């Protein structure tokens, strides 16, 4: 029995396990949205901005590894998807983006909203194609989804309304192939060479990235076998519980001094499942073994002694069979003592009663961490809020952490949180976002209200672009005028939207306020007024460089005196 191209696409998405499609309705999409309404397997989730649709789809794909789907109608509707799709592209998550188009007979004559979608999507998508004939549909739909899964990225198809509504009789072929990529075992010779290099090294440190997901038990076994500390990237932090004695902490600005020093001091570094971009924190003399599924990522951030192409879990299983246990704990104990000192500093800065009339942002992050559910999903926006939210989080090992990692885009958190929450409405989703980031896509809170998504949004209000301000001061420059701005009452905004609103401005009542906020049913916003003068704890800022911040403050004060 023949069906329309729209019906074929919906049927295919349902058969491969897609549960939601995010987007905004519009003329070119009418056949598609009607086809979704005619069945029960795939849910249409209307958003308030197409970028929010792309972010929700990307958020789902990053958390699950399965295909996320978003769509936008002709011209501007599809154009708005692009910024959000970079989340999936940069974090290697499979997303299918569907765009409408002008009627086929109107192409090429500068028709209303006409553009060239294949050109527009070419940078963000690993595959982009316009379906110009219904006879193409089955093969192109298969190819697009196969590319999204096979290359872990964005695939885009543009479908004019007349093609969407046209009849087809050919099914999408080979549906069994449309699934996440399996793990890949490395070559035995590479594992043998890795074991030899490890055997020659006196001290070993292990640096774990997102590619280690699913290999927590193997990482623990490796750390115990080698008496080696385990460090992690931002994306890797969630892999183990904060209090695991081998799980030392992060590296770089989103991290701490113990991890930075361990990477620098070890005789050999194992880089597992990470393409860590900040090469200034990596060894410079090639004392590195890197394991990654992506051959093109091996050795591009720092010189390495050995590159092993393969998935982390099978690589560690093979490696553990060849490694002898070590008894010397001197290096691990040294790193552990440094970690204990760093933790004491974090605890002191997170104390709500440590002084001042303002709430310290570290106290907000730590209190949220302490009261969150054991399997909560934490979404963190980009900016200074990232430093507070991640560095002061004590994760359980069962919680998930996500955000804009390699794209590092401000304002992405609300869309990602909505996508995460709709995966499971009963699982706690907590978004931590700065005031600037929240207002970028504030309308997506209405998406949460409309679809009864009980996300908990914490807005850190320091009345400005905190990280930009901080970067300027780090260079010894006074903050520019554009770094500060006025804000709305975010709690009142939540109530106006139909959610619940809370305000935190008194350190003494912070704990009580956060408990009530997290317990509130439905979507809610906590407006946290935090100290704008707080400076993050940075492992790479030497004491001799702190003077730059002092000079910047003097320049700011002199500017205020002159303007006064």
Protein backbone atom coordinates (compact mmCIF):
# COMPACT_ATOMS: atom_id res chain seq x y z
CA UNK A 1 0.00 0.00 0.00
CA UNK A 2 1.42 3.38 -0.97
CA UNK A 3 1.92 6.16 1.58
CA UNK A 4 3.17 9.72 1.49
CA UNK A 5 6.81 10.64 1.93
CA UNK A 6 5.83 12.24 5.25
CA UNK A 7 4.13 9.04 6.43
CA UNK A 8 7.15 6.99 5.31
CA UNK A 9 9.50 9.22 7.30
CA UNK A 10 7.38 9.06 10.47
CA UNK A 11 6.98 5.29 10.15
CA UNK A 12 10.74 4.89 9.77
CA UNK A 13 11.51 7.06 12.80
CA UNK A 14 9.06 5.04 14.88
CA UNK A 15 10.53 1.72 13.78
CA UNK A 16 14.07 2.72 14.78
CA UNK A 17 12.98 3.91 18.21
CA UNK A 18 12.62 7.69 17.91
CA UNK A 19 10.11 8.94 20.51
CA UNK A 20 9.99 12.71 19.92
CA UNK A 21 10.40 15.23 17.12
CA UNK A 22 11.10 18.82 18.21
CA UNK A 23 10.14 21.81 16.09
CA UNK A 24 7.70 24.60 15.21
CA UNK A 25 4.80 23.92 12.88
CA UNK A 26 4.65 25.69 9.53
CA UNK A 27 3.28 25.45 6.02
CA UNK A 28 5.99 23.35 4.41
CA UNK A 29 5.89 20.88 7.32
CA UNK A 30 2.11 20.43 7.30
CA UNK A 31 2.15 16.94 5.70
CA UNK A 32 4.82 15.84 8.20
CA UNK A 33 3.13 17.16 11.33
CA UNK A 34 -0.21 15.72 10.20
CA UNK A 35 1.46 12.33 9.72
CA UNK A 36 2.83 12.52 13.27
CA UNK A 37 -0.62 13.38 14.64
CA UNK A 38 -2.08 10.31 12.92
CA UNK A 39 -0.02 7.84 14.99
CA UNK A 40 1.00 7.32 18.63
CA UNK A 41 4.61 6.12 18.56
CA UNK A 42 6.32 9.46 17.81
CA UNK A 43 5.39 12.60 19.75
CA UNK A 44 5.46 16.10 18.29
CA UNK A 45 7.03 18.54 20.78
CA UNK A 46 6.38 22.14 19.84
CA UNK A 47 9.02 24.60 21.02
CA UNK A 48 9.20 28.43 21.09
CA UNK A 49 12.32 28.81 18.92
CA UNK A 50 13.76 26.38 16.39
CA UNK A 51 17.18 26.63 18.03
CA UNK A 52 15.50 25.19 21.12
CA UNK A 53 14.34 22.26 18.98
CA UNK A 54 17.86 21.55 17.76
CA UNK A 55 19.24 21.84 21.29
CA UNK A 56 16.63 19.44 22.67
CA UNK A 57 17.42 16.88 19.98
CA UNK A 58 21.15 17.29 20.54
CA UNK A 59 20.69 17.00 24.30
CA UNK A 60 18.90 13.69 23.90
CA UNK A 61 21.48 12.36 21.45
CA UNK A 62 24.38 13.32 23.74
CA UNK A 63 22.84 11.56 26.71
CA UNK A 64 21.64 8.40 24.97
CA UNK A 65 23.77 7.96 21.85
CA UNK A 66 20.53 7.46 19.92
CA UNK A 67 19.10 9.59 17.11
CA UNK A 68 17.59 12.94 18.08
CA UNK A 69 15.26 14.59 15.59
CA UNK A 70 14.33 18.25 15.02
CA UNK A 71 12.77 20.22 12.23
CA UNK A 72 12.09 23.71 10.96
CA UNK A 73 9.97 24.99 8.11
CA UNK A 74 10.98 26.95 5.02
CA UNK A 75 13.74 29.56 5.07
CA UNK A 76 14.04 31.24 8.49
CA UNK A 77 12.48 28.28 10.31
CA UNK A 78 15.23 25.97 9.09
CA UNK A 79 17.90 28.65 9.43
CA UNK A 80 17.19 28.92 13.16
CA UNK A 81 18.10 25.25 13.61
CA UNK A 82 21.70 25.72 12.59
CA UNK A 83 23.14 27.31 15.75
CA UNK A 84 21.68 24.59 17.95
CA UNK A 85 22.86 21.82 15.65
CA UNK A 86 26.49 22.71 16.36
CA UNK A 87 25.92 21.12 19.78
CA UNK A 88 25.48 17.74 18.12
CA UNK A 89 28.18 18.37 15.52
CA UNK A 90 30.88 19.38 18.01
CA UNK A 91 30.02 16.68 20.57
CA UNK A 92 29.65 13.94 17.93
CA UNK A 93 26.01 13.08 18.64
CA UNK A 94 23.61 11.65 16.01
CA UNK A 95 20.86 14.10 15.04
CA UNK A 96 18.54 14.22 12.05
CA UNK A 97 17.48 17.75 11.07
CA UNK A 98 14.48 18.01 8.74
CA UNK A 99 13.69 21.24 6.94
CA UNK A 100 10.79 22.23 4.72
CA UNK A 101 11.33 24.00 1.44
CA UNK A 102 9.51 26.09 -1.10
CA UNK A 103 7.34 24.14 -3.57
CA UNK A 104 9.49 22.44 -6.20
CA UNK A 105 7.93 24.43 -9.04
CA UNK A 106 8.89 27.70 -7.33
CA UNK A 107 12.59 27.02 -6.86
CA UNK A 108 15.10 29.19 -8.64
CA UNK A 109 12.97 32.34 -8.99
CA UNK A 110 13.70 34.02 -5.65
CA UNK A 111 10.39 32.83 -4.19
CA UNK A 112 9.26 33.91 -0.71
CA UNK A 113 11.65 32.48 1.95
CA UNK A 114 13.64 30.57 -0.66
CA UNK A 115 17.24 29.81 0.19
CA UNK A 116 19.80 27.07 -0.52
CA UNK A 117 19.54 24.76 2.49
CA UNK A 118 22.25 22.35 1.34
CA UNK A 119 24.72 25.23 1.29
CA UNK A 120 23.49 26.56 4.62
CA UNK A 121 23.80 23.24 6.45
CA UNK A 122 27.04 22.14 4.81
CA UNK A 123 29.32 23.25 7.65
CA UNK A 124 27.30 21.81 10.52
CA UNK A 125 26.12 18.60 8.83
CA UNK A 126 28.10 15.55 7.76
CA UNK A 127 25.32 14.85 5.25
CA UNK A 128 22.84 17.21 3.61
CA UNK A 129 20.47 16.52 0.74
CA UNK A 130 17.30 17.95 -0.79
CA UNK A 131 14.74 15.34 -1.85
CA UNK A 132 13.66 16.51 -5.29
CA UNK A 133 11.58 13.46 -6.23
CA UNK A 134 9.49 11.03 -4.17
CA UNK A 135 11.45 8.22 -5.79
CA UNK A 136 14.52 9.44 -3.89
CA UNK A 137 12.86 9.48 -0.49
CA UNK A 138 13.44 5.95 0.82
CA UNK A 139 17.12 5.84 -0.12
CA UNK A 140 17.87 9.38 1.10
CA UNK A 141 16.10 8.85 4.44
CA UNK A 142 18.17 5.71 5.00
CA UNK A 143 21.40 7.40 3.98
CA UNK A 144 20.81 10.41 6.21
CA UNK A 145 20.16 8.34 9.34
CA UNK A 146 23.02 5.96 8.50
CA UNK A 147 25.42 8.90 8.19
CA UNK A 148 24.22 10.44 11.47
CA UNK A 149 24.88 7.18 13.29
CA UNK A 150 27.94 6.07 11.36
CA UNK A 151 29.79 9.40 11.57
CA UNK A 152 28.18 10.56 14.83
CA UNK A 153 26.97 13.93 13.70
CA UNK A 154 24.20 15.91 12.08
CA UNK A 155 22.41 14.74 8.95
CA UNK A 156 20.05 17.13 7.21
CA UNK A 157 17.32 16.56 4.64
CA UNK A 158 15.23 19.27 3.01
CA UNK A 159 11.80 18.23 1.72
CA UNK A 160 9.51 20.57 -0.25
CA UNK A 161 5.81 20.36 0.70
CA UNK A 162 4.76 18.81 -2.60
CA UNK A 163 7.35 16.06 -2.14
CA UNK A 164 6.30 15.55 1.49
CA UNK A 165 2.72 14.96 0.29
CA UNK A 166 3.64 12.79 -2.72
CA UNK A 167 2.93 9.05 -2.68
CA UNK A 168 5.67 6.42 -2.51
CA UNK A 169 5.57 2.63 -2.50
CA UNK A 170 9.19 1.82 -1.67
CA UNK A 171 10.02 1.28 2.03
CA UNK A 172 13.18 2.55 3.64
CA UNK A 173 15.67 -0.33 3.25
CA UNK A 174 17.89 -2.07 5.80
CA UNK A 175 16.38 -0.59 8.97
CA UNK A 176 18.45 -3.01 11.09
CA UNK A 177 21.58 -1.06 10.13
CA UNK A 178 20.25 2.22 11.56
CA UNK A 179 21.67 2.02 15.07
CA UNK A 180 24.56 3.37 17.17
CA UNK A 181 28.06 2.28 16.22
CA UNK A 182 29.37 -0.74 18.17
CA UNK A 183 32.62 -0.73 20.14
CA UNK A 184 35.80 -1.47 18.20
CA UNK A 185 38.58 -3.65 19.58
CA UNK A 186 42.15 -2.39 18.97
CA UNK A 187 44.95 -4.35 17.33
CA UNK A 188 46.71 -6.87 19.58
CA UNK A 189 50.11 -5.48 18.56
CA UNK A 190 49.15 -2.02 19.83
CA UNK A 191 48.04 -3.42 23.17
CA UNK A 192 51.31 -5.35 23.49
CA UNK A 193 53.29 -2.16 22.84
CA UNK A 194 51.16 -0.24 25.35
CA UNK A 195 51.84 -2.89 27.99
CA UNK A 196 55.59 -2.64 27.29
CA UNK A 197 55.63 1.15 27.65
CA UNK A 198 53.60 0.96 30.85
CA UNK A 199 55.99 -1.63 32.24
CA UNK A 200 58.94 0.73 31.69
CA UNK A 201 57.30 3.73 33.35
CA UNK A 202 57.90 4.47 37.04
CA UNK A 203 54.77 6.56 37.59
CA UNK A 204 51.56 6.55 35.57
CA UNK A 205 48.57 8.89 35.41
CA UNK A 206 45.32 8.19 33.56
CA UNK A 207 43.28 10.94 31.86
CA UNK A 208 39.68 9.87 31.14
CA UNK A 209 37.29 11.42 28.64
CA UNK A 210 33.74 10.84 27.45
CA UNK A 211 34.95 7.86 25.42
CA UNK A 212 35.34 6.00 28.72
CA UNK A 213 31.57 5.81 29.23
CA UNK A 214 30.67 2.23 30.09
CA UNK A 215 34.22 1.40 31.20
CA UNK A 216 34.09 2.53 34.85
CA UNK A 217 34.82 -0.94 36.23
CA UNK A 218 37.78 -1.38 33.91
CA UNK A 219 39.12 2.05 34.90
CA UNK A 220 38.91 1.14 38.59
CA UNK A 221 40.71 -2.13 37.92
CA UNK A 222 43.43 -0.31 35.96
CA UNK A 223 43.92 2.29 38.69
CA UNK A 224 44.25 -0.41 41.35
CA UNK A 225 46.55 -2.56 39.22
CA UNK A 226 48.92 0.34 38.46
CA UNK A 227 48.40 2.39 41.66
CA UNK A 228 47.61 5.25 39.30
CA UNK A 229 45.42 8.33 39.80
CA UNK A 230 42.50 8.87 37.45
CA UNK A 231 41.85 12.40 36.15
CA UNK A 232 38.92 13.42 33.98
CA UNK A 233 37.73 15.92 31.42
CA UNK A 234 34.58 17.98 31.95
CA UNK A 235 32.54 15.39 30.05
CA UNK A 236 34.25 12.55 31.91
CA UNK A 237 33.50 13.82 35.43
CA UNK A 238 30.24 11.86 35.65
CA UNK A 239 31.88 8.46 35.14
CA UNK A 240 32.66 7.82 38.81
CA UNK A 241 31.62 9.04 42.21
CA UNK A 242 33.38 12.14 43.50
CA UNK A 243 34.62 10.32 46.62
CA UNK A 244 36.28 7.41 44.80
CA UNK A 245 39.89 7.53 46.07
CA UNK A 246 41.35 7.06 42.58
CA UNK A 247 39.05 9.70 40.96
CA UNK A 248 41.31 12.69 41.61
CA UNK A 249 39.49 15.43 39.71
CA UNK A 250 39.53 17.47 36.56
CA UNK A 251 42.31 19.07 34.55
CA UNK A 252 42.42 22.69 33.49
CA UNK A 253 40.10 25.55 34.37
CA UNK A 254 37.24 23.09 34.87
CA UNK A 255 39.31 21.06 37.28
CA UNK A 256 41.92 21.52 39.95
CA UNK A 257 45.61 21.73 40.76
CA UNK A 258 45.94 18.05 41.82
CA UNK A 259 44.89 16.84 38.38
CA UNK A 260 47.03 19.37 36.53
CA UNK A 261 50.09 18.48 38.59
CA UNK A 262 49.55 14.71 38.29
CA UNK A 263 49.40 14.92 34.49
CA UNK A 264 52.59 17.00 34.45
CA UNK A 265 54.52 14.91 36.98
CA UNK A 266 53.75 11.37 35.80
CA UNK A 267 56.38 9.44 33.89
CA UNK A 268 53.67 8.26 31.48
CA UNK A 269 50.14 9.54 30.76
CA UNK A 270 47.38 7.32 29.43
CA UNK A 271 44.83 9.44 27.51
CA UNK A 272 41.69 7.35 27.24
CA UNK A 273 38.72 8.39 25.08
CA UNK A 274 39.53 12.09 25.07
CA UNK A 275 40.55 14.61 22.44
CA UNK A 276 41.26 17.22 25.11
CA UNK A 277 41.75 20.55 23.28
CA UNK A 278 43.76 22.49 25.89
CA UNK A 279 47.21 21.21 24.99
CA UNK A 280 48.91 23.54 27.50
CA UNK A 281 47.84 21.09 30.21
CA UNK A 282 49.23 18.02 28.41
CA UNK A 283 52.82 16.64 28.41
CA UNK A 284 55.06 18.10 25.73
CA UNK A 285 57.67 15.34 25.38
CA UNK A 286 55.68 12.46 23.93
CA UNK A 287 55.31 10.46 27.15
CA UNK A 288 51.70 9.70 26.22
CA UNK A 289 49.69 6.67 25.13
CA UNK A 290 46.38 7.70 23.57
CA UNK A 291 43.43 5.37 23.01
CA UNK A 292 40.55 6.60 20.86
CA UNK A 293 38.02 5.22 18.38
CA UNK A 294 38.83 8.09 16.02
CA UNK A 295 42.15 7.51 14.29
CA UNK A 296 42.26 11.15 13.17
CA UNK A 297 42.28 12.33 16.80
CA UNK A 298 45.39 10.40 17.79
CA UNK A 299 48.34 12.68 18.53
CA UNK A 300 46.81 15.93 17.32
CA UNK A 301 46.74 17.70 20.71
CA UNK A 302 50.17 16.69 21.99
CA UNK A 303 53.06 14.46 20.84
CA UNK A 304 52.40 10.82 21.74
CA UNK A 305 54.57 7.72 22.02
CA UNK A 306 51.76 5.38 20.91
CA UNK A 307 48.33 5.80 19.39
CA UNK A 308 45.85 2.96 19.83
CA UNK A 309 42.82 3.05 17.55
CA UNK A 310 39.91 1.40 19.34
CA UNK A 311 37.22 1.75 21.98
CA UNK A 312 38.31 2.23 25.57
CA UNK A 313 36.45 -0.65 27.21
CA UNK A 314 37.74 -3.46 24.97
CA UNK A 315 41.20 -1.86 24.98
CA UNK A 316 41.31 -1.91 28.79
CA UNK A 317 40.04 -5.48 28.95
CA UNK A 318 42.87 -6.55 26.65
CA UNK A 319 45.44 -4.43 28.48
CA UNK A 320 44.50 -5.62 31.97
CA UNK A 321 45.22 -9.19 30.91
CA UNK A 322 48.84 -8.20 30.26
CA UNK A 323 49.66 -5.91 33.22
CA UNK A 324 51.22 -6.98 36.49
CA UNK A 325 50.04 -5.47 39.75
CA UNK A 326 52.19 -2.75 41.30
CA UNK A 327 52.70 -2.25 45.02
CA UNK A 328 54.34 1.17 45.09
CA UNK A 329 51.68 3.73 46.10
CA UNK A 330 54.00 6.70 46.61
CA UNK A 331 52.83 8.64 43.54
CA UNK A 332 49.15 7.88 44.13
CA UNK A 333 49.41 8.86 47.80
CA UNK A 334 51.16 12.13 46.89
CA UNK A 335 48.37 13.01 44.45
CA UNK A 336 45.79 11.96 47.02
CA UNK A 337 47.20 14.35 49.61
CA UNK A 338 47.11 17.19 47.09
CA UNK A 339 43.52 16.29 46.29
CA UNK A 340 42.61 16.39 50.02
CA UNK A 341 44.11 19.87 50.32
CA UNK A 342 42.22 21.06 47.25
CA UNK A 343 38.98 19.60 48.58
CA UNK A 344 39.40 21.49 51.85
CA UNK A 345 39.75 24.72 49.88
CA UNK A 346 36.59 23.89 47.88
CA UNK A 347 34.70 23.17 51.09
CA UNK A 348 35.75 26.47 52.65
CA UNK A 349 34.66 28.47 49.62
CA UNK A 350 31.32 26.60 49.52
CA UNK A 351 30.46 27.52 53.11
CA UNK A 352 27.38 29.82 52.92
CA UNK A 353 28.43 31.49 56.16
CA UNK A 354 32.01 32.37 55.24
CA UNK A 355 31.31 36.10 55.23
CA UNK A 356 29.79 38.94 53.27
CA UNK A 357 26.22 39.87 52.59
CA UNK A 358 26.15 38.26 49.14
CA UNK A 359 25.58 34.59 48.39
CA UNK A 360 28.76 33.00 47.08
CA UNK A 361 28.17 31.07 43.82
CA UNK A 362 30.19 28.13 45.15
CA UNK A 363 27.66 27.76 47.98
CA UNK A 364 24.79 27.59 45.47
CA UNK A 365 26.52 24.88 43.42
CA UNK A 366 27.52 22.80 46.45
CA UNK A 367 24.10 23.02 48.10
CA UNK A 368 22.42 21.93 44.87
CA UNK A 369 24.85 19.05 44.63
CA UNK A 370 24.19 17.93 48.19
CA UNK A 371 20.38 17.96 47.80
CA UNK A 372 20.04 16.61 44.26
CA UNK A 373 18.67 13.13 43.66
CA UNK A 374 21.22 10.35 43.30
CA UNK A 375 20.39 9.87 39.61
CA UNK A 376 19.75 13.50 38.66
CA UNK A 377 20.76 14.93 35.30
CA UNK A 378 22.77 18.14 35.67
CA UNK A 379 22.75 20.48 32.66
CA UNK A 380 25.24 23.33 32.78
CA UNK A 381 25.24 26.37 30.52
CA UNK A 382 28.47 28.03 29.36
CA UNK A 383 30.31 30.87 31.06
CA UNK A 384 31.46 31.58 34.57
CA UNK A 385 28.54 29.44 35.78
CA UNK A 386 30.33 26.40 34.35
CA UNK A 387 33.23 26.89 36.76
CA UNK A 388 30.95 27.08 39.80
CA UNK A 389 28.57 24.32 38.76
CA UNK A 390 31.16 21.71 37.78
CA UNK A 391 34.04 22.37 40.15
CA UNK A 392 31.81 22.36 43.25
CA UNK A 393 29.66 19.40 42.22
CA UNK A 394 30.20 16.16 44.15
CA UNK A 395 28.65 13.68 41.71
CA UNK A 396 27.28 10.30 42.80
CA UNK A 397 28.53 8.24 39.86
CA UNK A 398 24.92 7.59 38.81
CA UNK A 399 24.17 11.19 37.89
CA UNK A 400 24.62 12.48 34.35
CA UNK A 401 26.33 15.77 33.49
CA UNK A 402 25.82 17.51 30.16
CA UNK A 403 25.98 20.89 28.52
CA UNK A 404 27.70 22.66 25.66
CA UNK A 405 31.09 20.95 25.79
CA UNK A 406 33.10 21.36 22.59
CA UNK A 407 30.86 24.07 21.17
CA UNK A 408 30.98 26.00 24.46
CA UNK A 409 27.97 28.13 23.50
CA UNK A 410 26.15 30.41 25.93
CA UNK A 411 22.36 30.09 26.10
CA UNK A 412 22.08 26.42 25.14
CA UNK A 413 21.10 25.01 28.52
CA UNK A 414 17.30 25.44 28.48
CA UNK A 415 16.88 23.59 25.20
CA UNK A 416 19.20 20.77 26.27
CA UNK A 417 17.39 20.47 29.62
CA UNK A 418 14.00 20.18 27.91
CA UNK A 419 15.29 17.40 25.68
CA UNK A 420 16.77 15.58 28.67
CA UNK A 421 13.63 15.92 30.78
CA UNK A 422 11.24 14.56 28.17
CA UNK A 423 13.27 11.35 28.04
CA UNK A 424 11.95 10.66 31.55
CA UNK A 425 9.60 13.13 33.21
CA UNK A 426 10.13 11.50 36.62
CA UNK A 427 13.92 11.94 36.62
CA UNK A 428 15.25 15.13 38.18
CA UNK A 429 16.82 17.55 35.68
CA UNK A 430 18.68 20.56 37.11
CA UNK A 431 19.90 23.35 34.83
CA UNK A 432 22.52 25.81 36.11
CA UNK A 433 22.74 28.90 33.90
CA UNK A 434 23.99 32.45 34.08
CA UNK A 435 21.69 35.44 33.80
CA UNK A 436 22.95 36.26 30.31
CA UNK A 437 22.61 32.68 29.08
CA UNK A 438 19.08 32.31 30.43
CA UNK A 439 17.77 35.42 28.70
CA UNK A 440 19.13 34.29 25.33
CA UNK A 441 16.44 31.62 24.95
CA UNK A 442 14.16 32.42 27.88
CA UNK A 443 11.12 31.48 25.81
CA UNK A 444 12.12 27.82 26.06
CA UNK A 445 10.96 27.89 29.68
CA UNK A 446 7.47 28.20 28.18
CA UNK A 447 8.20 24.99 26.27
CA UNK A 448 8.80 23.30 29.63
CA UNK A 449 5.57 24.72 31.05
CA UNK A 450 3.50 23.77 28.00
CA UNK A 451 4.71 20.17 27.95
CA UNK A 452 4.76 19.77 31.75
CA UNK A 453 8.51 19.20 31.91
CA UNK A 454 9.52 19.64 35.57
CA UNK A 455 12.98 21.09 34.92
CA UNK A 456 14.62 22.98 37.78
CA UNK A 457 16.43 26.08 36.50
CA UNK A 458 18.98 27.88 38.70
CA UNK A 459 19.85 31.33 37.36
CA UNK A 460 23.13 32.70 38.76
CA UNK A 461 22.60 36.46 38.66
CA UNK A 462 25.81 38.51 38.76
CA UNK A 463 24.33 41.19 36.46
CA UNK A 464 26.74 40.65 33.62
CA UNK A 465 28.83 38.46 31.36
CA UNK A 466 30.92 37.13 34.23
CA UNK A 467 33.49 35.08 32.33
CA UNK A 468 34.10 37.86 29.78
CA UNK A 469 34.56 40.30 32.65
CA UNK A 470 36.93 37.88 34.32
CA UNK A 471 38.96 37.31 31.13
CA UNK A 472 39.43 41.05 30.69
CA UNK A 473 40.63 41.42 34.27
CA UNK A 474 42.97 38.46 33.77
CA UNK A 475 44.63 40.48 31.01
CA UNK A 476 44.96 43.47 33.35
CA UNK A 477 42.22 45.40 31.53
CA UNK A 478 39.21 47.11 33.09
CA UNK A 479 35.89 45.48 32.23
CA UNK A 480 34.20 47.06 29.21
CA UNK A 481 30.78 48.64 29.54
CA UNK A 482 29.09 45.80 27.67
CA UNK A 483 30.00 43.25 30.33
CA UNK A 484 27.21 44.41 32.68
CA UNK A 485 23.46 44.68 32.19
CA UNK A 486 20.18 45.01 34.11
CA UNK A 487 18.06 41.94 34.80
CA UNK A 488 14.45 40.98 35.25
CA UNK A 489 13.07 39.25 38.34
CA UNK A 490 13.57 35.67 37.17
CA UNK A 491 11.33 34.21 39.89
CA UNK A 492 8.50 36.52 38.81
CA UNK A 493 9.13 35.51 35.19
CA UNK A 494 8.73 31.84 36.15
CA UNK A 495 5.38 32.56 37.81
CA UNK A 496 4.23 34.64 34.83
CA UNK A 497 4.94 31.66 32.56
CA UNK A 498 2.92 29.31 34.76
CA UNK A 499 5.83 27.76 36.65
CA UNK A 500 7.09 28.33 40.17
CA UNK A 501 9.61 30.98 41.18
CA UNK A 502 12.04 31.17 44.11
CA UNK A 503 14.61 33.80 45.10
CA UNK A 504 17.88 33.26 47.00
CA UNK A 505 19.64 36.37 48.28
CA UNK A 506 20.26 35.63 51.97
CA UNK A 507 23.13 33.18 52.70
CA UNK A 508 21.45 32.10 55.92
CA UNK A 509 18.35 30.78 54.14
CA UNK A 510 20.08 29.32 51.07
CA UNK A 511 19.79 25.68 52.16
CA UNK A 512 16.09 26.00 53.02
CA UNK A 513 15.33 27.80 49.75
CA UNK A 514 17.09 25.20 47.61
CA UNK A 515 15.30 22.34 49.37
CA UNK A 516 11.92 23.95 48.67
CA UNK A 517 12.90 24.74 45.07
CA UNK A 518 13.98 21.17 44.28
CA UNK A 519 10.83 19.76 45.92
CA UNK A 520 8.48 21.97 43.89
CA UNK A 521 6.29 20.11 41.39
CA UNK A 522 6.57 21.14 37.75
CA UNK A 523 9.03 23.56 36.12
CA UNK A 524 10.61 26.09 38.48
CA UNK A 525 13.26 28.82 38.50
CA UNK A 526 15.54 29.75 41.38
CA UNK A 527 16.83 33.33 41.04
CA UNK A 528 20.17 33.24 42.90
CA UNK A 529 21.70 36.67 43.43
CA UNK A 530 25.41 35.87 43.73
CA UNK A 531 28.50 37.92 44.51
CA UNK A 532 29.70 39.40 41.17
CA UNK A 533 33.22 39.96 42.59
CA UNK A 534 33.89 36.28 43.30
CA UNK A 535 36.99 34.97 41.48
CA UNK A 536 37.16 31.29 40.46
CA UNK A 537 39.87 29.03 41.86
CA UNK A 538 42.22 28.38 38.95
CA UNK A 539 45.00 25.79 38.97
CA UNK A 540 46.89 27.48 36.13
CA UNK A 541 47.06 31.02 37.60
CA UNK A 542 50.39 31.40 39.36
CA UNK A 543 50.58 33.66 42.43
CA UNK A 544 52.75 36.08 40.46
CA UNK A 545 49.96 36.65 37.96
CA UNK A 546 47.23 37.61 40.44
CA UNK A 547 48.44 41.23 40.32
CA UNK A 548 46.71 41.55 36.93
CA UNK A 549 43.33 41.27 38.61
CA UNK A 550 44.33 43.90 41.15
CA UNK A 551 45.44 46.35 38.45
CA UNK A 552 42.20 45.77 36.56
CA UNK A 553 40.16 46.52 39.70
CA UNK A 554 42.09 49.76 40.25
CA UNK A 555 41.44 50.82 36.65
CA UNK A 556 37.74 50.04 37.05
CA UNK A 557 37.59 52.08 40.27
CA UNK A 558 39.39 55.04 38.67
CA UNK A 559 36.98 54.90 35.75
CA UNK A 560 34.04 54.98 38.15
CA UNK A 561 35.54 58.00 39.97
CA UNK A 562 36.01 59.88 36.71
CA UNK A 563 32.52 59.10 35.50
CA UNK A 564 31.12 60.11 38.92
